[in-house]
N, C-alpha and C. Protein backbone atom coordinates (compact mmCIF):
# COMPACT_ATOMS: atom_id res chain seq x y z
N MET A 1 51.80 62.97 31.52
CA MET A 1 52.68 61.86 31.56
C MET A 1 52.38 60.89 33.00
N GLU A 2 52.11 59.81 32.51
CA GLU A 2 52.13 58.99 33.92
C GLU A 2 53.45 58.60 34.48
N GLU A 3 53.52 58.63 35.74
CA GLU A 3 54.82 58.49 36.81
C GLU A 3 55.04 56.78 36.57
N PHE A 4 55.98 56.58 36.42
CA PHE A 4 56.68 55.17 35.95
C PHE A 4 57.77 54.76 37.41
N LYS A 5 57.46 53.28 37.71
CA LYS A 5 58.45 53.12 39.08
C LYS A 5 58.72 51.26 38.88
N LYS A 6 59.80 51.25 39.14
CA LYS A 6 60.50 49.87 39.07
C LYS A 6 59.59 48.91 39.68
N ILE A 7 59.35 47.98 38.56
CA ILE A 7 58.00 46.66 39.39
C ILE A 7 58.94 45.29 39.45
N LEU A 8 59.65 45.17 38.37
CA LEU A 8 60.51 43.92 38.86
C LEU A 8 61.82 43.87 38.03
N ILE A 9 62.90 43.01 38.59
CA ILE A 9 64.08 42.73 37.72
C ILE A 9 63.93 41.96 37.03
N LEU A 10 64.65 41.78 36.07
CA LEU A 10 64.96 41.21 35.21
C LEU A 10 65.86 40.30 35.25
N GLU A 11 65.95 39.05 34.76
CA GLU A 11 67.49 38.31 35.01
C GLU A 11 68.35 38.33 33.38
N ASN A 12 67.62 38.52 32.18
CA ASN A 12 68.65 38.41 31.16
C ASN A 12 67.56 39.12 30.02
N GLU A 13 68.30 39.01 29.20
CA GLU A 13 67.77 39.91 27.60
C GLU A 13 66.67 38.78 27.17
N ILE A 14 66.40 37.72 27.30
CA ILE A 14 65.74 36.67 27.00
C ILE A 14 64.28 37.03 27.46
N GLU A 15 64.46 37.17 28.93
CA GLU A 15 62.91 37.54 29.58
C GLU A 15 62.68 39.13 29.35
N ALA A 16 63.35 39.93 29.27
CA ALA A 16 62.96 40.99 28.97
C ALA A 16 62.18 41.26 27.47
N ARG A 17 63.02 40.57 26.39
CA ARG A 17 62.43 40.54 25.36
C ARG A 17 61.00 40.01 25.27
N LEU A 18 60.70 39.06 25.73
CA LEU A 18 59.73 38.38 26.30
C LEU A 18 58.21 38.85 26.50
N LEU A 19 59.19 39.28 28.13
CA LEU A 19 58.39 40.47 28.68
C LEU A 19 57.42 41.65 27.84
N ASP A 20 58.29 42.11 27.21
CA ASP A 20 58.13 43.27 26.36
C ASP A 20 57.05 42.96 25.27
N SER A 21 57.45 42.11 24.90
CA SER A 21 56.67 41.33 23.65
C SER A 21 55.14 41.18 24.14
N VAL A 22 54.86 40.53 25.29
CA VAL A 22 53.52 40.43 25.88
C VAL A 22 53.01 41.41 26.73
N LEU A 23 53.63 42.39 27.29
CA LEU A 23 52.94 44.17 27.43
C LEU A 23 52.74 44.88 26.34
N ASN A 24 53.42 44.80 25.25
CA ASN A 24 53.13 45.63 24.02
C ASN A 24 51.76 45.16 22.96
N GLU A 25 51.71 43.52 23.72
CA GLU A 25 50.28 43.08 22.84
C GLU A 25 49.29 43.20 23.67
N ARG A 26 49.16 43.73 24.97
CA ARG A 26 48.23 43.55 26.40
C ARG A 26 48.38 44.97 26.13
N ASN A 27 48.87 46.35 25.50
CA ASN A 27 48.89 47.43 25.74
C ASN A 27 48.90 47.98 27.02
N ILE A 28 49.96 47.66 28.08
CA ILE A 28 50.93 47.96 29.08
C ILE A 28 51.35 49.00 28.75
N PRO A 29 51.68 50.15 29.32
CA PRO A 29 52.76 51.08 29.13
C PRO A 29 53.94 50.35 30.01
N HIS A 30 54.86 50.48 29.53
CA HIS A 30 56.25 50.54 30.25
C HIS A 30 57.46 50.40 29.47
N ARG A 31 58.22 50.49 30.85
CA ARG A 31 59.76 50.41 30.10
C ARG A 31 60.64 49.44 30.46
N ILE A 32 61.34 49.02 30.01
CA ILE A 32 62.68 48.31 29.75
C ILE A 32 63.79 48.95 30.18
N ARG A 33 64.22 48.96 30.96
CA ARG A 33 65.66 49.40 31.00
C ARG A 33 66.70 48.48 31.78
N SER A 34 68.01 48.22 30.93
CA SER A 34 69.05 47.35 31.04
C SER A 34 69.88 48.26 32.18
N TYR A 35 70.77 47.09 32.75
CA TYR A 35 71.63 47.90 33.71
C TYR A 35 72.83 47.90 33.00
N TYR A 36 73.08 47.52 31.58
CA TYR A 36 73.96 47.53 30.97
C TYR A 36 74.93 48.82 30.90
N ASP A 37 76.22 49.20 31.12
CA ASP A 37 77.12 50.14 31.16
C ASP A 37 78.06 49.96 30.94
N SER A 38 78.51 50.55 29.10
CA SER A 38 79.77 49.80 28.69
C SER A 38 81.43 50.68 29.29
N ALA A 39 81.13 51.83 29.75
CA ALA A 39 81.94 52.55 30.80
C ALA A 39 82.62 51.31 31.79
N TYR A 40 81.99 50.30 32.00
CA TYR A 40 81.97 49.49 33.31
C TYR A 40 81.82 47.87 32.67
N ASP A 41 81.56 47.98 31.35
CA ASP A 41 81.80 46.62 30.47
C ASP A 41 80.46 45.51 31.64
N GLY A 42 79.73 46.23 31.59
CA GLY A 42 78.49 45.24 32.22
C GLY A 42 78.41 44.80 33.41
N ILE A 43 79.08 44.97 34.27
CA ILE A 43 79.68 44.86 35.86
C ILE A 43 78.06 44.43 36.28
N PHE A 44 77.22 45.62 36.61
CA PHE A 44 75.86 46.05 37.04
C PHE A 44 75.29 44.95 36.80
N GLN A 45 75.28 44.42 35.76
CA GLN A 45 74.52 43.27 35.51
C GLN A 45 74.64 41.92 35.89
N THR A 46 75.63 41.79 36.54
CA THR A 46 76.01 40.44 37.18
C THR A 46 75.96 40.78 38.82
N GLN A 47 76.10 42.12 39.08
CA GLN A 47 75.43 42.10 40.51
C GLN A 47 74.11 42.88 40.60
N LYS A 48 73.23 43.00 39.89
CA LYS A 48 71.88 43.84 40.04
C LYS A 48 70.72 43.07 39.29
N GLY A 49 71.28 42.01 38.19
CA GLY A 49 70.38 41.46 37.26
C GLY A 49 70.64 42.45 35.86
N TRP A 50 70.05 41.69 34.59
CA TRP A 50 69.88 42.06 33.73
C TRP A 50 69.11 43.39 33.34
N GLY A 51 68.13 43.91 33.85
CA GLY A 51 67.65 45.39 33.92
C GLY A 51 66.38 45.73 34.71
N ALA A 52 65.60 46.18 34.18
CA ALA A 52 64.25 46.52 35.12
C ALA A 52 63.27 46.86 34.27
N VAL A 53 61.75 46.30 34.88
CA VAL A 53 60.83 46.54 34.35
C VAL A 53 60.41 47.96 34.89
N LEU A 54 60.04 48.95 34.24
CA LEU A 54 59.19 50.17 35.15
C LEU A 54 58.23 50.38 34.28
N ALA A 55 56.73 50.97 35.05
CA ALA A 55 55.59 51.04 34.38
C ALA A 55 54.88 51.76 35.82
N PRO A 56 53.42 52.74 35.34
CA PRO A 56 52.95 52.85 36.46
C PRO A 56 52.20 52.38 37.26
N PRO A 57 52.33 52.43 38.68
CA PRO A 57 51.67 51.34 39.69
C PRO A 57 50.78 50.43 39.61
N GLN A 58 49.80 51.35 39.08
CA GLN A 58 48.19 50.47 38.84
C GLN A 58 48.56 49.15 37.61
N TYR A 59 49.87 48.77 37.15
CA TYR A 59 49.74 47.72 36.49
C TYR A 59 50.96 46.80 36.96
N GLN A 60 51.28 47.36 38.26
CA GLN A 60 52.30 46.04 38.94
C GLN A 60 51.48 44.95 39.34
N GLU A 61 50.55 44.66 39.84
CA GLU A 61 50.39 42.99 39.86
C GLU A 61 49.74 42.31 38.66
N GLU A 62 49.58 43.36 37.28
CA GLU A 62 49.12 42.80 36.36
C GLU A 62 50.47 42.28 35.61
N ILE A 63 51.21 43.29 36.21
CA ILE A 63 52.94 42.95 34.87
C ILE A 63 53.50 41.60 35.99
N GLU A 64 53.54 41.20 37.10
CA GLU A 64 53.98 40.23 37.78
C GLU A 64 53.67 39.05 37.57
N ALA A 65 52.08 39.13 37.31
CA ALA A 65 51.31 37.86 37.20
C ALA A 65 51.92 37.43 35.83
N ILE A 66 51.74 38.06 34.95
CA ILE A 66 52.61 38.09 33.50
C ILE A 66 53.83 37.56 33.94
N TYR A 67 54.49 38.11 34.30
CA TYR A 67 56.03 38.18 34.75
C TYR A 67 55.95 36.03 35.01
N GLN A 68 55.61 36.01 35.89
CA GLN A 68 55.28 34.65 36.78
C GLN A 68 55.08 33.60 35.51
N ASP A 69 54.49 33.95 34.72
CA ASP A 69 53.80 32.95 33.42
C ASP A 69 54.74 33.11 32.53
N LEU A 70 55.83 33.63 32.36
CA LEU A 70 56.75 33.78 31.42
C LEU A 70 56.98 31.80 31.47
N PRO A 71 57.41 31.50 30.31
CA PRO A 71 58.10 29.92 30.04
C PRO A 71 59.37 30.28 29.66
N ILE A 72 60.00 30.64 30.88
CA ILE A 72 61.36 30.30 31.48
C ILE A 72 61.71 29.32 31.64
N GLU A 73 62.85 28.94 31.80
CA GLU A 73 63.41 27.62 32.42
C GLU A 73 64.11 27.51 33.40
N GLU A 74 64.55 28.77 34.10
CA GLU A 74 65.27 28.94 35.46
C GLU A 74 64.10 28.81 36.60
N GLY A 75 62.99 28.22 36.50
CA GLY A 75 62.24 28.15 37.50
C GLY A 75 61.39 29.26 37.74
N GLY A 76 60.34 29.66 37.36
CA GLY A 76 59.21 30.11 37.42
C GLY A 76 59.39 32.07 37.95
N GLY A 77 58.76 32.92 37.65
CA GLY A 77 59.40 34.11 38.09
C GLY A 77 59.32 34.64 39.21
N GLU A 78 58.84 34.16 40.11
CA GLU A 78 58.34 34.24 42.02
C GLU A 78 60.06 33.85 42.35
N GLU A 79 60.57 32.54 42.10
CA GLU A 79 61.81 32.24 42.18
C GLU A 79 63.51 33.32 41.61
N ARG A 80 62.90 33.41 40.28
CA ARG A 80 63.51 34.61 39.66
C ARG A 80 63.71 35.83 40.38
N ASN A 81 62.77 36.32 41.14
CA ASN A 81 62.17 37.70 41.71
C ASN A 81 62.60 38.22 43.02
N LYS A 82 62.76 36.73 43.61
CA LYS A 82 63.39 36.89 45.06
C LYS A 82 64.66 38.03 45.08
N LYS A 83 65.27 38.13 44.23
CA LYS A 83 66.38 39.17 44.38
C LYS A 83 66.18 40.64 44.71
N GLU A 84 65.03 40.86 44.11
CA GLU A 84 64.81 42.03 44.14
C GLU A 84 64.13 43.00 45.93
N GLY A 85 64.04 41.99 46.27
CA GLY A 85 63.94 42.23 47.75
C GLY A 85 62.92 43.72 48.22
């Protein structure tokens, strides 16, 4: 089994679904992990972002490039992902 690492942080469910769709279409192995926790009523999502994309390290650059090209209104992937730091 391949080792997965956190590639980037997602800001909302729309980004997650769109990116998931593109990655599936390109057969890129990945997992989308939401930070939602019902015990804390989603408070971690307001602090950490909606969730994260996990994938094998060799796909990081490709996934980041795809993310940057997503047609999301809030201002390109580069701006959205500065929070990851």
